[in-house]
Amino acid sequence: MLLTGLILFGSFVVLMAIGVPIAFAIGGAAALAFLTIMSPGQSLFIVAQQMMSGLDSFTLLAIPFFILAGNIMNSGGLARRLVDFARVLAGPLPGSLLHVNVIANMLFGSLSGSAVASAAAVGGVMAPIQKKEGYDPALSAAVNITSCPTGLLIPPSNTFIVYSLITGGTSIGALFLAGYLPGILMGLGIMLVAGILARRRGYAAAVRPSLAAIRGATVNAILPLGLIVVIMGGIIGGAFTAAEASGIAVLYTLFLALVWYREIGIRDLPRILIESAQTTAIVLMMIGASIAMSRVMAFAQIPQSIAETMLTISDSPTVILLIIMAVLLIVGTFMDMTPALLIFTPIFLPVVKVIGIDPVHFGVIMTFNLCIGICTPPVGSALFVGCSVGGVPITQVIRPLLPFFAAMIVTSLIVTFVPWLSLALPGYFLGP
């Protein structure tokens, strides 16, 4: 068992270090680990079988549809309307355009379910406006980068769907509801830092909008925001499952972009479908490979061994949660969010169950801490996209990012040690 674990993690680290794509690194490590208990031909067959059986899940149908809905929104002009609505909300605040960026990312990210899409869409709209108003491009990019992950907490979120699959059926509706308050808290923490920096730099508030402007921006945002009501209302009310909600999301966004706003045409659909298929293939390949790895870990009893080791270090829930947070923050700097979730959830879940942490709360803890990683080098996807649309090199953004990282870590500690923030809404709407 020990040999299997050493080969699994050792080969994975080596494959990652030499630049093998992460999905293939995970699958290759699983195949090499299986060699300790079976022949080479059987090893490859078992990995392929585990990948296929792991992906044979009705729950996973939600992922390609939510990805497609997000791409339709990204192409359909919905980001611009949400930015206009955010400008109405944040107008009176110092450094208002920074706050607009955060609010727009929270709104668009929650609808698209993608931090990268939010960083690209909202950042692409905001960067020219902020530059014209005299805002520091590096600071603007830092705000965009650190606020786009809020959409991974505020539902609908593909991350919670993956977590539900790994944990054997944790309620997706409960996870969706659990993400609201932590996601909003993350956004507020970033806005607090942005407000402090804006005052120091002398960024003024925007001119208070007229009632006509407020009315117009609100009306334009009602239909896009209605997607949240439709999806969450249907899931909470039991009208449809998360997978069915994803199909409804596609129809809803397609109607808005193609028929109501006419921002895209029939000729744009093949491009959107191909982009969505490519993204889906990447995500599902990582999920399948990670499931094969989790099967090896289960066979080698790695999660149980790690749980026993951690519990011998301390039986204090506070200490154990701090250790888990530290590991997730480190892992998030070099591993993409989905495979990190798939690999480390089976390892840590037995530990947190022993110390009495609710699986729904732990799903929020995992997601929140891994969100920070997508904003950090060397592999932070939000970092690269945010710098690209902001037109600034990564080296100039690192220093402005530091106070926002501090805010994210502080809010992560609050979410971790105040379970009520994650469990209040699921308890209220779905019951104990």
Protein backbone atom coordinates (compact mmCIF):
# COMPACT_ATOMS: atom_id res chain seq x y z
CA MET A 1 0.00 0.00 0.00
CA LEU A 2 2.82 2.39 0.89
CA LEU A 3 4.60 1.62 -2.40
CA THR A 4 1.40 2.36 -4.34
CA GLY A 5 1.04 5.74 -2.65
CA LEU A 6 4.69 6.68 -3.20
CA ILE A 7 4.52 5.80 -6.90
CA LEU A 8 1.20 7.63 -7.30
CA PHE A 9 2.32 10.97 -5.85
CA GLY A 10 5.95 10.69 -6.93
CA SER A 11 5.12 10.07 -10.58
CA PHE A 12 2.48 12.79 -10.50
CA VAL A 13 4.98 15.37 -9.24
CA VAL A 14 7.58 14.29 -11.83
CA LEU A 15 5.09 14.41 -14.71
CA MET A 16 3.91 17.87 -13.63
CA ALA A 17 7.50 19.08 -13.29
CA ILE A 18 8.40 18.07 -16.86
CA GLY A 19 5.39 19.89 -18.28
CA VAL A 20 2.92 17.08 -18.95
CA PRO A 21 -0.66 18.48 -19.16
CA ILE A 22 -2.32 17.99 -15.81
CA ALA A 23 -5.06 15.60 -16.97
CA PHE A 24 -2.46 13.29 -18.53
CA ALA A 25 -0.20 13.65 -15.48
CA ILE A 26 -3.04 12.51 -13.23
CA GLY A 27 -4.04 9.62 -15.50
CA GLY A 28 -0.43 8.55 -16.03
CA ALA A 29 0.28 8.58 -12.30
CA ALA A 30 -2.82 6.45 -11.68
CA ALA A 31 -1.74 3.94 -14.34
CA LEU A 32 1.78 3.69 -12.87
CA ALA A 33 0.34 3.20 -9.38
CA PHE A 34 -1.89 0.38 -10.61
CA LEU A 35 1.25 -1.37 -11.93
CA THR A 36 2.08 -2.28 -8.32
CA ILE A 37 -0.91 -4.59 -8.19
CA MET A 38 -1.50 -5.75 -11.79
CA SER A 39 0.07 -6.16 -15.24
CA PRO A 40 0.73 -3.18 -17.59
CA GLY A 41 -2.18 -4.11 -19.88
CA GLN A 42 -4.58 -4.44 -16.96
CA SER A 43 -3.35 -1.16 -15.46
CA LEU A 44 -4.18 0.88 -18.55
CA PHE A 45 -7.50 -0.93 -18.93
CA ILE A 46 -8.50 -0.24 -15.31
CA VAL A 47 -7.61 3.48 -15.60
CA ALA A 48 -9.68 3.81 -18.78
CA GLN A 49 -12.54 1.87 -17.18
CA GLN A 50 -12.48 4.04 -14.06
CA MET A 51 -12.46 7.22 -16.14
CA MET A 52 -15.48 6.10 -18.15
CA SER A 53 -17.45 4.84 -15.16
CA GLY A 54 -16.65 8.02 -13.22
CA LEU A 55 -18.00 10.20 -16.00
CA ASP A 56 -21.16 8.09 -16.34
CA SER A 57 -23.13 10.41 -14.08
CA PHE A 58 -26.34 12.32 -14.72
CA THR A 59 -25.08 15.07 -12.41
CA LEU A 60 -22.17 15.87 -14.76
CA LEU A 61 -24.60 16.76 -17.55
CA ALA A 62 -24.95 20.13 -15.87
CA ILE A 63 -21.33 21.08 -16.56
CA PRO A 64 -21.37 21.30 -20.40
CA PHE A 65 -24.69 23.15 -20.36
CA PHE A 66 -23.58 25.71 -17.78
CA ILE A 67 -20.36 26.21 -19.76
CA LEU A 68 -22.42 26.77 -22.91
CA ALA A 69 -24.73 29.21 -21.10
CA GLY A 70 -21.70 31.14 -19.85
CA ASN A 71 -20.21 31.38 -23.35
CA ILE A 72 -23.52 32.59 -24.76
CA MET A 73 -23.66 35.28 -22.08
CA ASN A 74 -20.08 36.26 -22.78
CA SER A 75 -20.87 36.77 -26.46
CA GLY A 76 -24.35 38.16 -26.00
CA GLY A 77 -23.67 41.58 -24.47
CA LEU A 78 -24.91 40.67 -21.02
CA ALA A 79 -21.65 41.76 -19.35
CA ARG A 80 -22.10 45.34 -20.58
CA ARG A 81 -25.61 45.53 -19.16
CA LEU A 82 -24.48 44.19 -15.81
CA VAL A 83 -21.61 46.70 -15.73
CA ASP A 84 -24.10 49.53 -16.32
CA PHE A 85 -26.23 48.22 -13.45
CA ALA A 86 -23.17 47.95 -11.20
CA ARG A 87 -22.25 51.57 -11.99
CA VAL A 88 -25.63 52.63 -10.67
CA LEU A 89 -25.06 50.68 -7.44
CA ALA A 90 -21.46 51.81 -6.83
CA GLY A 91 -21.60 55.36 -8.16
CA PRO A 92 -21.44 57.24 -4.81
CA LEU A 93 -18.41 55.28 -3.51
CA PRO A 94 -14.81 56.60 -3.69
CA GLY A 95 -13.00 54.93 -6.56
CA SER A 96 -16.38 53.94 -7.91
CA LEU A 97 -15.05 52.21 -11.03
CA LEU A 98 -13.11 49.75 -8.87
CA HIS A 99 -16.28 48.88 -6.99
CA VAL A 100 -18.18 48.61 -10.25
CA ASN A 101 -15.62 46.03 -11.39
CA VAL A 102 -16.18 43.95 -8.24
CA ILE A 103 -19.98 44.11 -8.36
CA ALA A 104 -20.07 43.35 -12.08
CA ASN A 105 -17.81 40.33 -11.56
CA MET A 106 -20.06 39.09 -8.78
CA LEU A 107 -23.12 39.44 -11.00
CA PHE A 108 -21.64 38.13 -14.23
CA GLY A 109 -19.63 35.40 -12.51
CA SER A 110 -22.69 34.12 -10.71
CA LEU A 111 -24.56 33.88 -14.01
CA SER A 112 -21.75 32.41 -16.12
CA GLY A 113 -20.21 30.20 -13.43
CA SER A 114 -16.72 30.94 -14.77
CA ALA A 115 -14.08 33.14 -13.17
CA VAL A 116 -12.03 33.34 -16.37
CA ALA A 117 -15.03 34.30 -18.50
CA SER A 118 -15.97 36.95 -15.94
CA ALA A 119 -12.42 38.37 -15.85
CA ALA A 120 -12.36 38.56 -19.64
CA ALA A 121 -15.87 39.93 -20.19
CA VAL A 122 -16.05 42.43 -17.32
CA GLY A 123 -12.37 43.36 -17.51
CA GLY A 124 -12.68 43.93 -21.23
CA VAL A 125 -15.49 46.42 -20.65
CA MET A 126 -14.00 48.12 -17.58
CA ALA A 127 -10.30 48.46 -18.50
CA PRO A 128 -10.73 51.17 -21.20
CA ILE A 129 -13.16 53.14 -19.00
CA GLN A 130 -10.86 52.98 -15.97
CA LYS A 131 -7.83 54.01 -18.03
CA LYS A 132 -9.72 56.96 -19.47
CA GLU A 133 -10.69 58.10 -15.95
CA GLY A 134 -7.05 58.02 -14.79
CA TYR A 135 -7.07 54.81 -12.74
CA ASP A 136 -3.81 52.91 -12.33
CA PRO A 137 -4.05 49.98 -14.82
CA ALA A 138 -2.16 47.66 -12.45
CA LEU A 139 -4.57 48.37 -9.58
CA SER A 140 -7.59 48.01 -11.87
CA ALA A 141 -6.28 44.65 -13.10
CA ALA A 142 -5.65 43.50 -9.52
CA VAL A 143 -9.27 44.28 -8.58
CA ASN A 144 -10.57 42.47 -11.65
CA ILE A 145 -8.38 39.42 -11.01
CA THR A 146 -9.27 38.99 -7.34
CA SER A 147 -13.00 39.66 -7.70
CA CYS A 148 -13.71 37.33 -10.64
CA PRO A 149 -13.54 34.13 -8.46
CA THR A 150 -16.63 35.26 -6.54
CA GLY A 151 -18.65 33.64 -9.35
CA LEU A 152 -17.26 30.24 -8.37
CA LEU A 153 -18.98 30.60 -4.99
CA ILE A 154 -22.16 32.40 -5.99
CA PRO A 155 -24.27 29.85 -7.91
CA PRO A 156 -24.67 28.29 -10.33
CA SER A 157 -21.18 26.88 -9.86
CA ASN A 158 -19.65 23.93 -11.72
CA THR A 159 -17.23 23.54 -8.82
CA PHE A 160 -20.04 22.60 -6.44
CA ILE A 161 -21.39 20.11 -8.99
CA VAL A 162 -17.99 18.40 -9.10
CA TYR A 163 -17.76 18.41 -5.30
CA SER A 164 -21.22 16.81 -5.06
CA LEU A 165 -20.07 14.03 -7.40
CA ILE A 166 -16.89 13.36 -5.38
CA THR A 167 -18.66 13.22 -2.03
CA GLY A 168 -21.27 10.78 -3.23
CA GLY A 169 -24.29 12.99 -3.47
CA THR A 170 -24.01 16.05 -1.23
CA SER A 171 -27.06 18.14 -2.17
CA ILE A 172 -26.24 20.48 -5.06
CA GLY A 173 -29.10 22.74 -4.02
CA ALA A 174 -27.63 23.02 -0.51
CA LEU A 175 -24.16 23.72 -1.91
CA PHE A 176 -25.53 26.39 -4.24
CA LEU A 177 -27.30 28.13 -1.37
CA ALA A 178 -24.26 27.76 0.87
CA GLY A 179 -22.09 29.71 -1.57
CA TYR A 180 -24.10 32.94 -1.54
CA LEU A 181 -22.99 34.57 1.71
CA PRO A 182 -19.31 33.51 1.45
CA GLY A 183 -19.20 34.75 -2.15
CA ILE A 184 -20.70 38.08 -1.19
CA LEU A 185 -18.31 38.31 1.77
CA MET A 186 -15.34 37.78 -0.56
CA GLY A 187 -16.60 40.57 -2.80
CA LEU A 188 -17.14 42.93 0.13
CA GLY A 189 -13.63 42.24 1.44
CA ILE A 190 -12.16 43.18 -1.93
CA MET A 191 -14.34 46.29 -2.10
CA LEU A 192 -13.14 47.34 1.37
CA VAL A 193 -9.50 47.16 0.29
CA ALA A 194 -10.30 48.88 -3.01
CA GLY A 195 -12.05 51.69 -1.15
CA ILE A 196 -9.08 52.24 1.17
CA LEU A 197 -6.63 52.33 -1.75
CA ALA A 198 -8.95 54.63 -3.73
CA ARG A 199 -9.03 57.16 -0.86
CA ARG A 200 -5.25 57.09 -0.55
CA ARG A 201 -4.85 57.73 -4.28
CA GLY A 202 -7.53 60.39 -4.42
CA TYR A 203 -9.93 58.60 -6.76
CA ALA A 204 -13.22 60.45 -6.61
CA ALA A 205 -16.70 59.04 -6.66
CA ALA A 206 -18.62 59.12 -9.90
CA VAL A 207 -21.34 61.66 -10.55
CA ARG A 208 -24.55 60.47 -8.94
CA PRO A 209 -26.72 59.02 -11.75
CA SER A 210 -30.09 60.49 -12.58
CA LEU A 211 -33.31 58.65 -11.82
CA ALA A 212 -33.73 57.99 -15.54
CA ALA A 213 -30.26 56.42 -15.73
CA ILE A 214 -30.97 54.29 -12.65
CA ARG A 215 -34.28 53.16 -14.10
CA GLY A 216 -32.75 52.35 -17.48
CA ALA A 217 -29.81 50.37 -16.08
CA THR A 218 -32.10 48.44 -13.74
CA VAL A 219 -34.54 47.55 -16.48
CA ASN A 220 -31.71 46.37 -18.75
CA ALA A 221 -30.33 44.14 -15.99
CA ILE A 222 -33.61 42.56 -14.90
CA LEU A 223 -33.73 39.86 -17.57
CA PRO A 224 -30.09 38.73 -17.17
CA LEU A 225 -30.48 38.65 -13.38
CA GLY A 226 -33.72 36.74 -13.83
CA LEU A 227 -31.62 33.70 -14.70
CA ILE A 228 -30.63 33.42 -11.02
CA VAL A 229 -34.27 33.48 -9.96
CA VAL A 230 -35.24 30.85 -12.53
CA ILE A 231 -32.40 28.45 -11.72
CA MET A 232 -32.32 28.77 -7.94
CA GLY A 233 -36.10 29.03 -7.64
CA GLY A 234 -36.55 25.87 -9.66
CA ILE A 235 -33.90 23.90 -7.75
CA ILE A 236 -35.05 25.03 -4.29
CA GLY A 237 -38.69 24.51 -5.19
CA GLY A 238 -38.01 21.03 -6.52
CA ALA A 239 -39.25 21.87 -10.02
CA PHE A 240 -36.07 20.52 -11.64
CA THR A 241 -32.63 19.16 -10.85
CA ALA A 242 -29.32 20.99 -11.31
CA ALA A 243 -28.76 19.15 -14.60
CA GLU A 244 -32.18 20.17 -15.87
CA ALA A 245 -31.56 23.73 -14.64
CA SER A 246 -28.42 23.89 -16.80
CA GLY A 247 -30.47 23.11 -19.90
CA ILE A 248 -32.96 25.79 -18.96
CA ALA A 249 -30.07 28.22 -18.48
CA VAL A 250 -28.92 27.58 -22.05
CA LEU A 251 -32.40 28.21 -23.45
CA TYR A 252 -32.82 31.35 -21.33
CA THR A 253 -29.46 32.90 -22.28
CA LEU A 254 -29.88 31.91 -25.92
CA PHE A 255 -33.25 33.65 -26.03
CA LEU A 256 -31.81 36.82 -24.50
CA ALA A 257 -28.70 36.97 -26.70
CA LEU A 258 -30.22 35.76 -29.96
CA VAL A 259 -33.82 36.99 -29.89
CA TRP A 260 -34.30 39.69 -27.25
CA TYR A 261 -31.04 41.67 -27.43
CA ARG A 262 -29.92 40.36 -30.84
CA GLU A 263 -26.26 40.66 -29.86
CA ILE A 264 -25.40 37.40 -31.62
CA GLY A 265 -26.71 35.75 -34.80
CA ILE A 266 -27.20 32.22 -36.03
CA ARG A 267 -23.76 32.37 -37.65
CA ASP A 268 -22.14 32.90 -34.24
CA LEU A 269 -23.57 29.70 -32.77
CA PRO A 270 -21.08 27.22 -34.34
CA ARG A 271 -18.16 29.19 -32.84
CA ILE A 272 -19.83 29.31 -29.41
CA LEU A 273 -20.66 25.60 -29.53
CA ILE A 274 -17.11 24.66 -30.54
CA GLU A 275 -15.59 26.79 -27.76
CA SER A 276 -17.97 25.24 -25.24
CA ALA A 277 -17.19 21.72 -26.46
CA GLN A 278 -13.46 22.35 -26.15
CA THR A 279 -13.79 23.68 -22.61
CA THR A 280 -16.09 20.81 -21.65
CA ALA A 281 -13.66 18.21 -23.04
CA ILE A 282 -10.81 19.68 -20.97
CA VAL A 283 -12.88 19.76 -17.78
CA LEU A 284 -14.31 16.27 -18.19
CA MET A 285 -10.91 14.82 -19.09
CA MET A 286 -9.53 16.21 -15.82
CA ILE A 287 -12.53 14.89 -13.89
CA GLY A 288 -12.21 11.40 -15.40
CA ALA A 289 -8.48 11.20 -14.74
CA SER A 290 -8.92 12.50 -11.19
CA ILE A 291 -11.59 9.90 -10.48
CA ALA A 292 -9.16 7.17 -11.61
CA MET A 293 -6.56 8.61 -9.22
CA SER A 294 -9.07 8.71 -6.37
CA ARG A 295 -9.79 5.00 -6.95
CA VAL A 296 -6.08 4.24 -6.56
CA MET A 297 -5.95 6.31 -3.38
CA ALA A 298 -8.98 4.44 -2.01
CA PHE A 299 -7.35 1.07 -2.80
CA ALA A 300 -4.10 2.15 -1.10
CA GLN A 301 -6.10 3.55 1.84
CA ILE A 302 -4.29 6.86 1.47
CA PRO A 303 -7.20 9.04 2.73
CA GLN A 304 -7.53 6.90 5.86
CA SER A 305 -3.78 7.02 6.51
CA ILE A 306 -3.65 10.80 6.11
CA ALA A 307 -6.71 11.19 8.34
CA GLU A 308 -5.08 9.10 11.08
CA THR A 309 -1.82 11.06 10.75
CA MET A 310 -3.54 14.44 10.99
CA LEU A 311 -5.58 13.34 13.98
CA THR A 312 -2.39 12.24 15.75
CA ILE A 313 -0.94 15.72 15.20
CA SER A 314 -3.92 17.33 16.90
CA ASP A 315 -7.53 16.57 17.70
CA SER A 316 -8.39 20.26 17.69
CA PRO A 317 -10.76 21.17 14.85
CA THR A 318 -9.15 24.62 14.67
CA VAL A 319 -5.64 23.25 14.13
CA ILE A 320 -6.79 20.66 11.59
CA LEU A 321 -8.76 23.23 9.59
CA LEU A 322 -5.77 25.59 9.58
CA ILE A 323 -3.56 22.77 8.25
CA ILE A 324 -6.10 21.99 5.52
CA MET A 325 -6.37 25.67 4.58
CA ALA A 326 -2.58 25.99 4.35
CA VAL A 327 -2.34 22.92 2.11
CA LEU A 328 -5.12 24.16 -0.16
CA LEU A 329 -3.56 27.62 -0.48
CA ILE A 330 -0.23 26.07 -1.47
CA VAL A 331 -1.81 23.54 -3.84
CA GLY A 332 -3.89 26.25 -5.50
CA THR A 333 -0.77 28.13 -6.59
CA PHE A 334 0.34 25.35 -8.94
CA MET A 335 -2.72 23.21 -9.66
CA ASP A 336 -5.96 24.07 -11.45
CA MET A 337 -9.05 24.20 -9.29
CA THR A 338 -10.98 21.19 -10.64
CA PRO A 339 -8.22 18.56 -10.33
CA ALA A 340 -7.20 19.98 -6.94
CA LEU A 341 -10.77 19.57 -5.75
CA LEU A 342 -10.98 16.05 -7.15
CA ILE A 343 -7.68 14.93 -5.63
CA PHE A 344 -7.84 16.53 -2.19
CA THR A 345 -11.52 16.21 -1.32
CA PRO A 346 -11.29 12.41 -0.85
CA ILE A 347 -8.15 12.95 1.26
CA PHE A 348 -9.54 15.60 3.61
CA LEU A 349 -13.23 14.65 3.78
CA PRO A 350 -12.69 11.68 6.15
CA VAL A 351 -10.71 13.98 8.45
CA VAL A 352 -13.33 16.72 8.66
CA LYS A 353 -16.11 14.18 9.18
CA VAL A 354 -14.29 12.92 12.28
CA ILE A 355 -14.08 16.43 13.74
CA GLY A 356 -17.75 17.11 12.94
CA ILE A 357 -17.55 19.52 9.96
CA ASP A 358 -20.65 19.51 7.77
CA PRO A 359 -19.88 18.31 4.18
CA VAL A 360 -21.73 21.32 2.74
CA HIS A 361 -19.65 23.71 4.83
CA PHE A 362 -16.48 21.86 3.87
CA GLY A 363 -17.38 22.19 0.18
CA VAL A 364 -17.46 25.96 0.62
CA ILE A 365 -14.14 25.88 2.52
CA MET A 366 -12.48 23.87 -0.28
CA THR A 367 -13.85 26.11 -3.01
CA PHE A 368 -13.07 29.39 -1.22
CA ASN A 369 -9.43 28.49 -0.55
CA LEU A 370 -8.82 27.11 -4.04
CA CYS A 371 -10.37 30.28 -5.50
CA ILE A 372 -7.37 32.20 -4.19
CA GLY A 373 -5.04 29.97 -6.18
CA ILE A 374 -6.44 30.94 -9.58
CA CYS A 375 -5.32 34.53 -8.88
CA THR A 376 -1.71 33.60 -8.09
CA PRO A 377 1.35 32.65 -10.15
CA PRO A 378 2.59 30.35 -11.60
CA VAL A 379 -0.59 28.82 -13.06
CA GLY A 380 -3.36 31.23 -12.03
CA SER A 381 -5.75 31.35 -14.98
CA ALA A 382 -7.54 34.48 -13.70
CA LEU A 383 -4.16 36.20 -13.27
CA PHE A 384 -3.15 35.67 -16.88
CA VAL A 385 -6.55 36.62 -18.33
CA GLY A 386 -6.88 39.68 -16.08
CA CYS A 387 -3.42 40.97 -17.05
CA SER A 388 -4.15 40.33 -20.72
CA VAL A 389 -7.42 42.28 -20.86
CA GLY A 390 -5.97 44.97 -18.60
CA GLY A 391 -2.96 45.44 -20.85
CA VAL A 392 -0.40 45.19 -18.02
CA PRO A 393 2.46 42.71 -17.43
CA ILE A 394 2.20 40.27 -14.54
CA THR A 395 5.27 41.77 -12.85
CA GLN A 396 3.46 45.10 -12.41
CA VAL A 397 0.34 43.51 -10.93
CA ILE A 398 1.94 41.37 -8.21
CA ARG A 399 2.46 44.21 -5.72
CA PRO A 400 -1.09 45.69 -6.06
CA LEU A 401 -2.45 42.16 -5.63
CA LEU A 402 -0.94 41.66 -2.16
CA PRO A 403 -3.51 43.62 -0.07
CA PHE A 404 -6.33 41.88 -1.95
CA PHE A 405 -4.77 38.48 -1.23
CA ALA A 406 -4.70 39.46 2.44
CA ALA A 407 -8.41 40.33 2.29
CA MET A 408 -9.22 37.00 0.63
CA ILE A 409 -7.31 35.05 3.27
CA VAL A 410 -9.02 36.95 6.12
CA THR A 411 -12.47 36.34 4.64
CA SER A 412 -11.52 32.70 4.08
CA LEU A 413 -10.73 32.37 7.79
CA ILE A 414 -14.10 33.93 8.65
CA VAL A 415 -15.95 31.52 6.34
CA THR A 416 -14.01 28.54 7.70
CA PHE A 417 -14.60 29.27 11.38
CA VAL A 418 -18.11 30.72 11.15
CA PRO A 419 -20.15 27.79 9.74
CA TRP A 420 -23.36 29.83 9.95
CA LEU A 421 -22.32 31.79 6.85
CA SER A 422 -22.40 28.60 4.80
CA LEU A 423 -25.23 26.74 6.48
CA ALA A 424 -27.80 29.45 7.24
CA LEU A 425 -29.43 29.61 3.79
CA PRO A 426 -29.51 25.83 3.19
CA GLY A 427 -31.02 25.38 6.65
CA TYR A 428 -33.64 28.07 6.04
CA PHE A 429 -34.73 26.99 2.55
CA LEU A 430 -34.14 23.23 2.63
CA GLY A 431 -34.41 22.45 6.34
CA PRO A 432 -31.95 20.52 8.52
